[in-house]
Amino acid sequence: MSLDELERRVQDFGPLAFLITTDGKTPHVVSVAVDFDGATFSVPAGRSSLRNIESSAAATLLWPGRDDGSYSLIVDATADGDRDDDRALLHPTSAVLHRLADAPADLPSCVRIEREADDG
């Protein structure tokens, strides 16, 4: 994916997102303040999130729609946790802008943040 484009979108949406993890059966959703260094997300993580990440490295960050009301930002990632630091590191694998339910119907429903040619 284009990490430059992802970084721009994260800046547009701001530092507050929802972290979604699962134990393989039940999703767990928490609000987090996101740090993004241009390649890896770092977020605070509690016991349940860290336990889920140990069970399944799949995680998602979700930014709800902005003031313009058109799209949310969804980033899927692989995650690893640090219980000593109470943080999770998320390595993005894909990202999309997803049209909100009440956005104009003529907008594309999903806009992928595509891979750059040299990313593979």
C-alpha atoms as a PDB file:
ATOM      1  CA  MET A   1       0.000   0.000   0.000  1.00  0.00           C
ATOM      2  CA  SER A   2       1.064   3.569  -0.404  1.00  0.00           C
ATOM      3  CA  LEU A   3       2.351   4.431   3.051  1.00  0.00           C
ATOM      4  CA  ASP A   4       2.647   8.086   2.043  1.00  0.00           C
ATOM      5  CA  GLU A   5      -1.043   8.160   1.119  1.00  0.00           C
ATOM      6  CA  LEU A   6      -1.950   6.263   4.297  1.00  0.00           C
ATOM      7  CA  GLU A   7       0.028   8.729   6.394  1.00  0.00           C
ATOM      8  CA  ARG A   8      -1.793  11.625   4.712  1.00  0.00           C
ATOM      9  CA  ARG A   9      -5.175  10.007   5.392  1.00  0.00           C
ATOM     10  CA  VAL A  10      -4.286   9.329   9.045  1.00  0.00           C
ATOM     11  CA  GLN A  11      -3.317  12.988   9.427  1.00  0.00           C
ATOM     12  CA  ASP A  12      -6.666  13.978   7.865  1.00  0.00           C
ATOM     13  CA  PHE A  13      -8.653  11.768  10.253  1.00  0.00           C
ATOM     14  CA  GLY A  14      -6.646  12.641  13.362  1.00  0.00           C
ATOM     15  CA  PRO A  15      -5.131  10.664  16.231  1.00  0.00           C
ATOM     16  CA  LEU A  16      -8.283   9.066  17.694  1.00  0.00           C
ATOM     17  CA  ALA A  17      -9.418   5.705  16.339  1.00  0.00           C
ATOM     18  CA  PHE A  18     -10.925   2.422  17.456  1.00  0.00           C
ATOM     19  CA  LEU A  19      -8.722  -0.654  17.845  1.00  0.00           C
ATOM     20  CA  ILE A  20     -10.527  -3.881  16.983  1.00  0.00           C
ATOM     21  CA  THR A  21      -9.034  -7.212  18.051  1.00  0.00           C
ATOM     22  CA  THR A  22     -10.500 -10.678  18.478  1.00  0.00           C
ATOM     23  CA  ASP A  23      -9.824 -13.843  20.409  1.00  0.00           C
ATOM     24  CA  GLY A  24     -11.057 -15.764  17.376  1.00  0.00           C
ATOM     25  CA  LYS A  25     -14.665 -15.697  18.592  1.00  0.00           C
ATOM     26  CA  THR A  26     -15.560 -12.325  20.053  1.00  0.00           C
ATOM     27  CA  PRO A  27     -14.483  -8.904  18.788  1.00  0.00           C
ATOM     28  CA  HIS A  28     -13.100  -6.390  21.278  1.00  0.00           C
ATOM     29  CA  VAL A  29     -13.326  -2.680  20.422  1.00  0.00           C
ATOM     30  CA  VAL A  30     -11.584   0.140  22.308  1.00  0.00           C
ATOM     31  CA  SER A  31     -10.895   3.798  21.658  1.00  0.00           C
ATOM     32  CA  VAL A  32      -7.184   4.590  21.271  1.00  0.00           C
ATOM     33  CA  ALA A  33      -4.856   7.493  20.561  1.00  0.00           C
ATOM     34  CA  VAL A  34      -2.776   6.476  17.555  1.00  0.00           C
ATOM     35  CA  ASP A  35       0.878   7.253  16.881  1.00  0.00           C
ATOM     36  CA  PHE A  36       1.985   6.564  13.300  1.00  0.00           C
ATOM     37  CA  ASP A  37       5.617   6.842  12.254  1.00  0.00           C
ATOM     38  CA  GLY A  38       4.826   6.426   8.569  1.00  0.00           C
ATOM     39  CA  ALA A  39       5.193   2.628   8.639  1.00  0.00           C
ATOM     40  CA  THR A  40       3.938   1.297  12.002  1.00  0.00           C
ATOM     41  CA  PHE A  41       1.101   2.282  14.306  1.00  0.00           C
ATOM     42  CA  SER A  42       1.660   2.325  18.060  1.00  0.00           C
ATOM     43  CA  VAL A  43      -1.364   2.371  20.361  1.00  0.00           C
ATOM     44  CA  PRO A  44      -1.984   1.881  24.071  1.00  0.00           C
ATOM     45  CA  ALA A  45      -3.398  -1.578  24.726  1.00  0.00           C
ATOM     46  CA  GLY A  46      -5.063  -3.057  27.766  1.00  0.00           C
ATOM     47  CA  ARG A  47      -5.147  -6.643  28.972  1.00  0.00           C
ATOM     48  CA  SER A  48      -7.963  -7.795  26.683  1.00  0.00           C
ATOM     49  CA  SER A  49      -6.453  -6.252  23.558  1.00  0.00           C
ATOM     50  CA  LEU A  50      -3.011  -7.676  24.329  1.00  0.00           C
ATOM     51  CA  ARG A  51      -4.458 -11.112  25.109  1.00  0.00           C
ATOM     52  CA  ASN A  52      -6.352 -11.059  21.804  1.00  0.00           C
ATOM     53  CA  ILE A  53      -3.240 -10.021  19.887  1.00  0.00           C
ATOM     54  CA  GLU A  54      -1.391 -12.969  21.418  1.00  0.00           C
ATOM     55  CA  SER A  55      -4.239 -15.220  20.244  1.00  0.00           C
ATOM     56  CA  SER A  56      -4.628 -13.681  16.779  1.00  0.00           C
ATOM     57  CA  ALA A  57      -2.234 -11.157  15.273  1.00  0.00           C
ATOM     58  CA  ALA A  58      -4.999  -9.728  13.075  1.00  0.00           C
ATOM     59  CA  ALA A  59      -6.182  -6.267  14.147  1.00  0.00           C
ATOM     60  CA  THR A  60      -8.052  -3.347  12.631  1.00  0.00           C
ATOM     61  CA  LEU A  61      -7.978   0.388  13.237  1.00  0.00           C
ATOM     62  CA  LEU A  62     -11.175   2.287  12.439  1.00  0.00           C
ATOM     63  CA  TRP A  63     -11.539   6.049  12.212  1.00  0.00           C
ATOM     64  CA  PRO A  64     -15.218   7.046  12.118  1.00  0.00           C
ATOM     65  CA  GLY A  65     -16.388   9.556   9.564  1.00  0.00           C
ATOM     66  CA  ARG A  66     -15.077  13.084   9.646  1.00  0.00           C
ATOM     67  CA  ASP A  67     -17.053  16.302   9.623  1.00  0.00           C
ATOM     68  CA  ASP A  68     -17.689  16.025   5.869  1.00  0.00           C
ATOM     69  CA  GLY A  69     -19.615  12.811   6.594  1.00  0.00           C
ATOM     70  CA  SER A  70     -18.458  10.881   3.541  1.00  0.00           C
ATOM     71  CA  TYR A  71     -15.996   8.166   4.573  1.00  0.00           C
ATOM     72  CA  SER A  72     -14.477   6.278   7.466  1.00  0.00           C
ATOM     73  CA  LEU A  73     -10.879   5.033   7.342  1.00  0.00           C
ATOM     74  CA  ILE A  74     -10.260   1.325   7.970  1.00  0.00           C
ATOM     75  CA  VAL A  75      -6.743  -0.106   8.293  1.00  0.00           C
ATOM     76  CA  ASP A  76      -6.163  -3.850   8.637  1.00  0.00           C
ATOM     77  CA  ALA A  77      -2.876  -4.854  10.211  1.00  0.00           C
ATOM     78  CA  THR A  78      -0.815  -7.553  11.821  1.00  0.00           C
ATOM     79  CA  ALA A  79      -0.108  -6.754  15.444  1.00  0.00           C
ATOM     80  CA  ASP A  80       2.248  -7.617  18.219  1.00  0.00           C
ATOM     81  CA  GLY A  81       1.960  -6.519  21.809  1.00  0.00           C
ATOM     82  CA  ASP A  82       4.258  -5.469  24.610  1.00  0.00           C
ATOM     83  CA  ARG A  83       2.763  -6.236  28.032  1.00  0.00           C
ATOM     84  CA  ASP A  84       5.629  -4.449  29.789  1.00  0.00           C
ATOM     85  CA  ASP A  85       4.847  -1.234  27.909  1.00  0.00           C
ATOM     86  CA  ASP A  86       1.062  -1.790  27.544  1.00  0.00           C
ATOM     87  CA  ARG A  87       1.294  -0.987  23.837  1.00  0.00           C
ATOM     88  CA  ALA A  88       0.492  -2.700  20.590  1.00  0.00           C
ATOM     89  CA  LEU A  89       2.406  -2.239  17.355  1.00  0.00           C
ATOM     90  CA  LEU A  90       0.331  -2.586  14.207  1.00  0.00           C
ATOM     91  CA  HIS A  91       1.877  -3.151  10.798  1.00  0.00           C
ATOM     92  CA  PRO A  92      -0.643  -2.143   8.108  1.00  0.00           C
ATOM     93  CA  THR A  93      -1.516  -4.720   5.444  1.00  0.00           C
ATOM     94  CA  SER A  94      -4.402  -2.922   3.706  1.00  0.00           C
ATOM     95  CA  ALA A  95      -6.414   0.265   4.018  1.00  0.00           C
ATOM     96  CA  VAL A  96      -9.653   1.630   2.606  1.00  0.00           C
ATOM     97  CA  LEU A  97     -11.917   4.613   2.811  1.00  0.00           C
ATOM     98  CA  HIS A  98     -15.407   3.183   3.297  1.00  0.00           C
ATOM     99  CA  ARG A  99     -18.471   5.267   2.435  1.00  0.00           C
ATOM    100  CA  LEU A 100     -20.711   6.030   5.400  1.00  0.00           C
ATOM    101  CA  ALA A 101     -24.322   4.831   5.302  1.00  0.00           C
ATOM    102  CA  ASP A 102     -25.726   8.364   5.061  1.00  0.00           C
ATOM    103  CA  ALA A 103     -23.174   9.674   2.532  1.00  0.00           C
ATOM    104  CA  PRO A 104     -24.306  10.581  -0.979  1.00  0.00           C
ATOM    105  CA  ALA A 105     -25.024   7.385  -2.942  1.00  0.00           C
ATOM    106  CA  ASP A 106     -23.104   8.634  -5.982  1.00  0.00           C
ATOM    107  CA  LEU A 107     -19.797   8.356  -4.083  1.00  0.00           C
ATOM    108  CA  PRO A 108     -17.785   5.147  -4.513  1.00  0.00           C
ATOM    109  CA  SER A 109     -18.616   2.738  -1.675  1.00  0.00           C
ATOM    110  CA  CYS A 110     -14.994   1.769  -1.107  1.00  0.00           C
ATOM    111  CA  VAL A 111     -11.768   3.542  -2.078  1.00  0.00           C
ATOM    112  CA  ARG A 112      -8.660   1.417  -1.653  1.00  0.00           C
ATOM    113  CA  ILE A 113      -5.431   3.023  -0.556  1.00  0.00           C
ATOM    114  CA  GLU A 114      -3.462   1.123  -3.178  1.00  0.00           C
ATOM    115  CA  ARG A 115      -0.035  -0.407  -3.135  1.00  0.00           C
ATOM    116  CA  GLU A 116       2.671   1.503  -4.911  1.00  0.00           C
ATOM    117  CA  ALA A 117       4.275  -0.293  -7.831  1.00  0.00           C
ATOM    118  CA  ASP A 118       7.596  -0.789  -5.995  1.00  0.00           C
ATOM    119  CA  ASP A 119       5.855  -2.154  -2.840  1.00  0.00           C
ATOM    120  CA  GLY A 120       5.083  -5.475  -4.502  1.00  0.00           C
END
